[in-house]
Protein backbone atom coordinates (compact mmCIF):
# COMPACT_ATOMS: atom_id res chain seq x y z
CA UNK A 1 18.26 2.28 21.31
CA UNK A 2 16.88 -1.00 18.71
CA UNK A 3 18.05 -4.44 21.07
CA UNK A 4 20.29 -6.19 18.70
CA UNK A 5 18.46 -9.07 16.62
CA UNK A 6 19.09 -12.86 18.20
CA UNK A 7 20.13 -14.03 15.13
CA UNK A 8 21.46 -13.57 11.83
CA UNK A 9 17.92 -14.17 10.23
CA UNK A 10 18.62 -15.41 5.64
CA UNK A 11 15.56 -13.09 4.44
CA UNK A 12 13.66 -13.25 0.86
CA UNK A 13 12.10 -10.04 -0.59
CA UNK A 14 9.68 -10.60 -3.98
CA UNK A 15 9.69 -7.44 -5.35
CA UNK A 16 11.93 -5.10 -3.20
CA UNK A 17 13.31 -2.47 -4.68
CA UNK A 18 9.94 -0.09 -4.85
CA UNK A 19 7.93 2.51 -2.50
CA UNK A 20 7.96 -0.74 -0.23
CA UNK A 21 10.51 -2.56 -0.82
CA UNK A 22 13.64 -0.89 -0.44
CA UNK A 23 12.55 0.77 2.73
CA UNK A 24 11.48 -2.48 4.46
CA UNK A 25 14.72 -4.19 1.99
CA UNK A 26 16.82 -1.17 4.35
CA UNK A 27 15.71 -1.31 7.70
CA UNK A 28 16.18 -5.36 7.47
CA UNK A 29 19.86 -4.77 6.46
CA UNK A 30 20.30 -2.19 8.91
CA UNK A 31 18.87 -4.79 11.10
CA UNK A 32 22.15 -7.10 9.89
CA UNK A 33 20.59 -9.59 8.67
CA UNK A 34 21.08 -11.37 5.22
CA UNK A 35 18.72 -10.04 2.29
CA UNK A 36 18.31 -11.47 -1.26
CA UNK A 37 15.92 -9.29 -3.54
CA UNK A 38 13.51 -11.55 -6.12
CA UNK A 39 12.24 -8.76 -9.35
CA UNK A 40 12.34 -9.62 -12.73
CA UNK A 41 16.06 -7.78 -12.94
CA UNK A 42 14.74 -4.46 -14.12
CA UNK A 43 15.90 -2.43 -10.78
CA UNK A 44 18.79 -3.15 -8.87
CA UNK A 45 18.85 -4.52 -4.80
CA UNK A 46 18.97 -1.44 -2.72
CA UNK A 47 22.24 -1.28 -1.26
CA UNK A 48 23.21 -4.50 1.35
CA UNK A 49 20.73 -6.73 -0.34
CA UNK A 50 21.80 -9.76 -2.81
CA UNK A 51 19.50 -9.83 -5.79
CA UNK A 52 17.71 -12.88 -7.75
CA UNK A 53 16.39 -12.57 -11.52
CA UNK A 54 13.02 -14.26 -12.35
CA UNK A 55 9.65 -13.10 -12.77
CA UNK A 56 7.21 -14.20 -9.95
CA UNK A 57 4.53 -15.97 -12.51
CA UNK A 58 6.71 -17.68 -14.31
CA UNK A 59 7.11 -20.86 -12.70
CA UNK A 60 10.25 -21.92 -14.63
CA UNK A 61 12.41 -19.06 -13.34
CA UNK A 62 11.23 -19.18 -10.62
CA UNK A 63 12.66 -23.05 -10.15
CA UNK A 64 15.72 -21.88 -11.08
CA UNK A 65 16.47 -19.18 -9.04
CA UNK A 66 14.93 -21.05 -5.82
CA UNK A 67 15.01 -24.52 -6.23
CA UNK A 68 16.46 -26.44 -3.03
CA UNK A 69 17.04 -22.44 -1.60
CA UNK A 70 15.54 -22.46 2.71
CA UNK A 71 15.38 -18.75 4.18
CA UNK A 72 13.45 -17.55 7.27
CA UNK A 73 11.34 -15.01 6.25
CA UNK A 74 10.41 -13.91 3.19
CA UNK A 75 8.25 -10.58 2.92
CA UNK A 76 6.15 -11.11 -0.25
CA UNK A 77 4.71 -7.76 -1.82
CA UNK A 78 4.13 -9.72 -4.78
CA UNK A 79 1.30 -11.59 -4.41
CA UNK A 80 -1.70 -10.69 -5.96
CA UNK A 81 -3.79 -13.89 -6.01
CA UNK A 82 -3.90 -17.66 -5.40
CA UNK A 83 -1.82 -18.29 -7.69
CA UNK A 84 1.36 -15.96 -7.33
CA UNK A 85 1.59 -17.36 -3.79
CA UNK A 86 1.20 -21.03 -5.47
CA UNK A 87 3.69 -21.01 -7.58
CA UNK A 88 5.92 -19.69 -4.92
CA UNK A 89 5.77 -22.90 -3.08
CA UNK A 90 5.37 -24.50 -5.04
CA UNK A 91 9.14 -24.84 -5.93
CA UNK A 92 11.11 -28.23 -5.50
CA UNK A 93 13.06 -27.96 -1.85
CA UNK A 94 12.03 -23.95 -1.16
CA UNK A 95 11.04 -23.93 2.27
CA UNK A 96 10.35 -21.15 4.86
CA UNK A 97 9.53 -21.24 8.66
CA UNK A 98 7.78 -17.04 8.49
CA UNK A 99 6.45 -15.86 5.82
CA UNK A 100 5.01 -12.59 5.83
CA UNK A 101 2.08 -11.07 2.89
CA UNK A 102 2.04 -7.31 2.17
CA UNK A 103 -2.12 -7.44 1.29
CA UNK A 104 -3.95 -5.09 1.79
CA UNK A 105 -7.31 -2.56 2.37
CA UNK A 106 -9.00 -3.46 -0.51
CA UNK A 107 -10.19 -6.86 1.14
CA UNK A 108 -12.84 -5.03 2.76
CA UNK A 109 -13.27 -2.63 0.75
CA UNK A 110 -15.44 -5.89 -2.35
CA UNK A 111 -17.08 -6.54 0.78
CA UNK A 112 -21.18 -5.75 0.06
CA UNK A 113 -21.51 -5.20 3.34
CA UNK A 114 -18.81 -1.60 4.38
CA UNK A 115 -18.94 -0.54 7.87
CA UNK A 116 -15.16 1.03 8.67
CA UNK A 117 -13.07 1.47 10.49
CA UNK A 118 -12.51 -1.82 9.14
CA UNK A 119 -11.08 -4.49 11.84
CA UNK A 120 -10.16 -7.82 10.30
CA UNK A 121 -12.76 -9.70 11.15
CA UNK A 122 -14.46 -7.67 8.43
CA UNK A 123 -12.54 -9.51 5.81
CA UNK A 124 -15.08 -12.72 6.08
CA UNK A 125 -17.89 -10.88 5.24
CA UNK A 126 -19.93 -12.13 2.30
CA UNK A 127 -18.51 -9.92 -1.13
CA UNK A 128 -19.83 -7.92 -3.53
CA UNK A 129 -21.61 -8.77 -6.89
CA UNK A 130 -19.17 -7.66 -9.14
CA UNK A 131 -19.20 -4.50 -11.32
CA UNK A 132 -19.03 -4.21 -14.67
CA UNK A 133 -16.29 -5.61 -16.99
CA UNK A 134 -14.46 -2.53 -17.82
CA UNK A 135 -14.51 0.17 -15.26
CA UNK A 136 -12.88 1.51 -12.14
CA UNK A 137 -15.10 -0.35 -9.56
CA UNK A 138 -13.87 -3.69 -11.46
CA UNK A 139 -10.55 -2.69 -11.15
CA UNK A 140 -11.19 -2.19 -7.67
CA UNK A 141 -12.83 -4.92 -6.77
CA UNK A 142 -11.04 -7.68 -9.07
CA UNK A 143 -7.60 -6.44 -7.09
CA UNK A 144 -9.46 -7.16 -3.65
CA UNK A 145 -10.96 -9.61 -5.04
CA UNK A 146 -7.30 -11.25 -5.91
CA UNK A 147 -6.27 -10.30 -2.63
CA UNK A 148 -8.56 -11.65 -1.30
CA UNK A 149 -7.38 -15.65 -2.81
CA UNK A 150 -3.93 -14.36 -2.68
CA UNK A 151 -4.34 -14.75 1.15
CA UNK A 152 -6.26 -18.07 1.88
CA UNK A 153 -3.76 -19.49 -0.50
CA UNK A 154 -1.28 -17.91 1.88
CA UNK A 155 -2.82 -19.42 4.77
CA UNK A 156 -3.39 -23.07 3.19
CA UNK A 157 0.19 -22.96 2.41
CA UNK A 158 1.11 -22.91 6.09
CA UNK A 159 -0.74 -24.97 6.59
CA UNK A 160 0.52 -27.60 4.49
CA UNK A 161 4.57 -27.26 5.36
CA UNK A 162 4.43 -25.70 8.66
CA UNK A 163 5.09 -21.82 7.86
CA UNK A 164 3.84 -19.33 9.96
CA UNK A 165 2.56 -17.31 8.03
CA UNK A 166 1.30 -13.53 8.34
CA UNK A 167 -0.89 -10.97 6.54
CA UNK A 168 -0.53 -7.48 6.66
CA UNK A 169 -3.74 -5.80 5.48
CA UNK A 170 -2.01 -1.98 4.56
CA UNK A 171 -4.13 0.83 3.35
CA UNK A 172 -3.34 3.07 1.02
CA UNK A 173 1.15 3.79 1.18
CA UNK A 174 2.36 7.11 1.13
CA UNK A 175 6.32 6.75 0.96
CA UNK A 176 8.42 8.59 -1.35
CA UNK A 177 9.08 6.64 -5.53
CA UNK A 178 5.06 6.93 -5.41
CA UNK A 179 4.86 5.21 -8.48
CA UNK A 180 0.95 6.09 -8.08
CA UNK A 181 1.75 9.70 -7.75
CA UNK A 182 -1.64 10.22 -5.89
CA UNK A 183 -0.44 12.31 -3.67
CA UNK A 184 1.53 14.27 -6.13
CA UNK A 185 -1.61 14.85 -7.86
CA UNK A 186 -3.32 17.20 -4.48
CA UNK A 187 0.71 18.64 -4.27
CA UNK A 188 0.46 19.89 -8.28
CA UNK A 189 -2.81 21.20 -7.91
CA UNK A 190 -1.59 22.85 -5.34
CA UNK A 191 1.48 23.91 -6.45
CA UNK A 192 -0.72 25.77 -9.18
CA UNK A 193 -2.51 27.73 -7.91
CA UNK A 194 -5.73 27.33 -9.30
CA UNK A 195 -8.34 25.85 -6.94
CA UNK A 196 -8.72 22.41 -6.11
CA UNK A 197 -12.23 19.83 -6.41
CA UNK A 198 -13.07 18.09 -3.62
CA UNK A 199 -16.35 15.90 -3.68
CA UNK A 200 -18.13 15.73 -1.29
CA UNK A 201 -16.37 18.98 -0.05
CA UNK A 202 -13.41 16.57 1.44
CA UNK A 203 -15.30 16.02 4.17
CA UNK A 204 -14.30 11.99 4.28
CA UNK A 205 -12.00 10.04 6.53
CA UNK A 206 -9.00 8.92 4.73
CA UNK A 207 -6.55 6.58 6.63
CA UNK A 208 -2.85 6.01 5.34
CA UNK A 209 -0.28 4.09 6.24
CA UNK A 210 3.43 5.27 6.62
CA UNK A 211 6.07 2.99 3.46
CA UNK A 212 8.27 3.77 6.50
CA UNK A 213 5.81 2.50 9.36
CA UNK A 214 5.09 -0.56 6.90
CA UNK A 215 9.56 -1.51 6.87
CA UNK A 216 9.72 -1.68 10.94
CA UNK A 217 6.42 -3.42 11.14
CA UNK A 218 7.87 -6.19 8.66
CA UNK A 219 11.45 -6.41 10.73
CA UNK A 220 9.16 -6.79 13.97
CA UNK A 221 7.92 -10.04 12.92
CA UNK A 222 10.23 -11.79 11.00
CA UNK A 223 12.90 -10.98 14.21
CA UNK A 224 9.64 -12.67 16.17
CA UNK A 225 7.26 -10.52 18.06
CA UNK A 226 4.36 -12.60 18.89
CA UNK A 227 1.37 -11.85 16.48
CA UNK A 228 -0.84 -15.60 16.96
CA UNK A 229 -3.47 -14.22 14.62
CA UNK A 230 -2.85 -14.84 10.57
CA UNK A 231 -3.95 -11.49 9.67
CA UNK A 232 -3.29 -7.70 10.28
CA UNK A 233 -4.31 -3.98 10.25
CA UNK A 234 -1.02 -1.63 9.97
CA UNK A 235 -1.81 1.78 9.10
CA UNK A 236 -1.89 5.69 11.20
CA UNK A 237 -3.61 5.68 14.62
CA UNK A 238 -4.91 9.22 12.95
CA UNK A 239 -8.15 9.64 10.97
CA UNK A 240 -8.31 12.87 9.56
CA UNK A 241 -10.83 14.91 7.38
CA UNK A 242 -9.01 14.78 3.46
CA UNK A 243 -9.63 18.59 3.23
CA UNK A 244 -7.54 18.34 6.23
CA UNK A 245 -4.94 16.78 4.57
CA UNK A 246 -5.05 18.90 1.55
CA UNK A 247 -4.80 22.13 4.39
CA UNK A 248 -2.21 20.34 5.74
CA UNK A 249 0.02 19.73 2.48
CA UNK A 250 -0.85 23.40 1.64
CA UNK A 251 0.48 23.91 4.46
CA UNK A 252 3.76 22.91 4.05
CA UNK A 253 4.23 24.30 0.78
CA UNK A 254 3.23 27.78 1.31
CA UNK A 255 0.46 28.37 0.11
CA UNK A 256 -2.93 28.86 0.36
CA UNK A 257 -5.10 25.80 -0.08
CA UNK A 258 -8.13 26.99 -3.13
CA UNK A 259 -10.48 23.94 -1.86
CA UNK A 260 -14.22 24.04 -3.90
CA UNK A 261 -16.37 21.15 -2.71
CA UNK A 262 -18.33 19.36 -5.64
CA UNK A 263 -20.38 16.51 -5.86
CA UNK A 264 -20.07 13.33 -7.94
CA UNK A 265 -22.21 14.52 -10.30
CA UNK A 266 -20.58 17.45 -10.97
CA UNK A 267 -17.77 15.32 -13.28
CA UNK A 268 -19.18 13.50 -16.11
CA UNK A 269 -20.88 16.20 -17.59
CA UNK A 270 -17.64 17.97 -17.17
CA UNK A 271 -15.65 15.89 -19.05
CA UNK A 272 -14.22 14.48 -15.20
CA UNK A 273 -14.01 11.31 -13.10
CA UNK A 274 -12.44 10.50 -9.63
CA UNK A 275 -8.40 11.26 -10.55
CA UNK A 276 -9.95 14.79 -9.39
CA UNK A 277 -9.27 13.49 -6.71
CA UNK A 278 -7.35 10.34 -5.65
CA UNK A 279 -8.28 9.39 -2.31
CA UNK A 280 -11.42 10.16 -2.58
CA UNK A 281 -14.59 7.99 -3.01
CA UNK A 282 -15.60 4.14 -2.05
CA UNK A 283 -12.09 2.57 -2.94
CA UNK A 284 -9.21 4.18 -0.06
CA UNK A 285 -9.60 1.69 2.69
CA UNK A 286 -9.79 2.52 6.48
CA UNK A 287 -8.15 -0.55 8.57
CA UNK A 288 -8.13 -0.33 12.44
CA UNK A 289 -4.35 -1.01 13.35
CA UNK A 290 -5.54 -1.18 16.81
CA UNK A 291 -5.06 -5.32 16.64
CA UNK A 292 -1.93 -4.62 16.10
CA UNK A 293 -0.84 -2.38 18.49
CA UNK A 294 -2.46 -4.75 21.09
CA UNK A 295 -0.25 -7.51 19.57
CA UNK A 296 3.10 -6.91 18.45
CA UNK A 297 3.19 -3.24 20.07
CA UNK A 298 2.43 -1.50 16.82
CA UNK A 299 2.61 2.62 16.47
CA UNK A 300 2.21 3.67 13.04
CA UNK A 301 3.12 7.35 12.29
CA UNK A 302 0.45 10.02 13.09
CA UNK A 303 -0.08 12.70 9.83
CA UNK A 304 1.98 15.08 11.75
CA UNK A 305 5.11 13.15 11.65
CA UNK A 306 5.19 10.76 7.74
CA UNK A 307 3.22 14.40 6.11
CA UNK A 308 6.78 16.66 5.91
CA UNK A 309 8.68 14.00 4.89
CA UNK A 310 6.49 13.06 1.98
CA UNK A 311 5.75 15.83 1.00
CA UNK A 312 9.66 16.86 1.37
CA UNK A 313 10.64 13.91 -1.01
CA UNK A 314 8.33 14.17 -3.60
CA UNK A 315 9.04 18.02 -4.39
CA UNK A 316 12.89 16.60 -4.76
CA UNK A 317 11.84 14.69 -7.03
CA UNK A 318 14.70 15.07 -10.57
CA UNK A 319 11.46 15.49 -13.45
CA UNK A 320 8.61 14.06 -11.20
CA UNK A 321 5.58 12.41 -13.40
CA UNK A 322 2.82 13.70 -13.89
CA UNK A 323 -0.57 12.46 -11.89
CA UNK A 324 -2.84 11.15 -15.43
CA UNK A 325 -5.75 12.96 -13.97
CA UNK A 326 -3.51 15.92 -15.06
CA UNK A 327 -4.61 16.06 -18.49
CA UNK A 328 -8.28 17.47 -17.28
CA UNK A 329 -6.81 19.79 -15.49
CA UNK A 330 -8.30 22.88 -17.90
CA UNK A 331 -11.83 21.09 -17.63
CA UNK A 332 -10.77 21.32 -13.73
CA UNK A 333 -10.11 24.59 -13.61
CA UNK A 334 -13.41 25.49 -15.77
CA UNK A 335 -15.88 23.73 -13.06
CA UNK A 336 -14.28 24.95 -10.02
CA UNK A 337 -14.61 28.33 -11.10
CA UNK A 338 -18.56 27.36 -12.74
CA UNK A 339 -19.19 26.14 -9.40
CA UNK A 340 -17.41 28.83 -6.84
CA UNK A 341 -19.83 31.21 -8.71
CA UNK A 342 -22.94 29.43 -7.77
């Protein structure tokens, strides 16, 4: 059984009702901590947590909500760039002794040199040249560069205020209520019975993290686990190939995995893009969680543990939202049939 926490912590969670926030809030509440969720007020806080409404990008709104507030721990899910961190720490009288920033493995992918699996020091590598604006590469680059800036601002805020700061670098997060619909894109394609296109045959390794494991990591660090480094990768321990993951998902659905390998150059002439396989390509990170395991005992769940839970949650959704690329499913089928007939 888990050891009881030594004290009830006062915890502020910025953005605590989504894919990552809701499990973390539930885990903190279950440990007896006093949790307040700060959001724009469009969704209720998870059960057991108090709520504050303020736009995280509005300094005046933040000041009205948090001026003079002192908490033990901040879990920040809304730090996308340096200004997001700076606005929080600029609130008059606001203070925390522990700041946990949710970052991303994208900080490795914006480097000019990529050698996965990534260790924490790889985030210090020089950045690649800025991709062409308006492209998907540029959007991914901007996200990664923004997170690098947010990490620098968090480190500076810790040095200035004395708060203990830790950045948690996550790969693609899997869990219930995933608004990105990326895993659902594969499940829906498997369920419709038509072939599923995988660039490169899906041979590249993939690495994700289960939202419930992130929640456990947050509780561990909030309650004082030794974590001497500034940043830690939090990810599952295994690295299956994408085609192995798809096969495992198909088995859970009870359907065959009708995979058709394709090349990236096959897509554009057929009116398709990377959306045919959201986990393929250069923008899915593979962070190595060895440091977190060594320093504070983090153990992520392997695919065999979390995939059945997440597939079950997706299938239980009422009126599931489609992945945006589904509108091109007919073109995918046509291309798959042509490639299969080569």
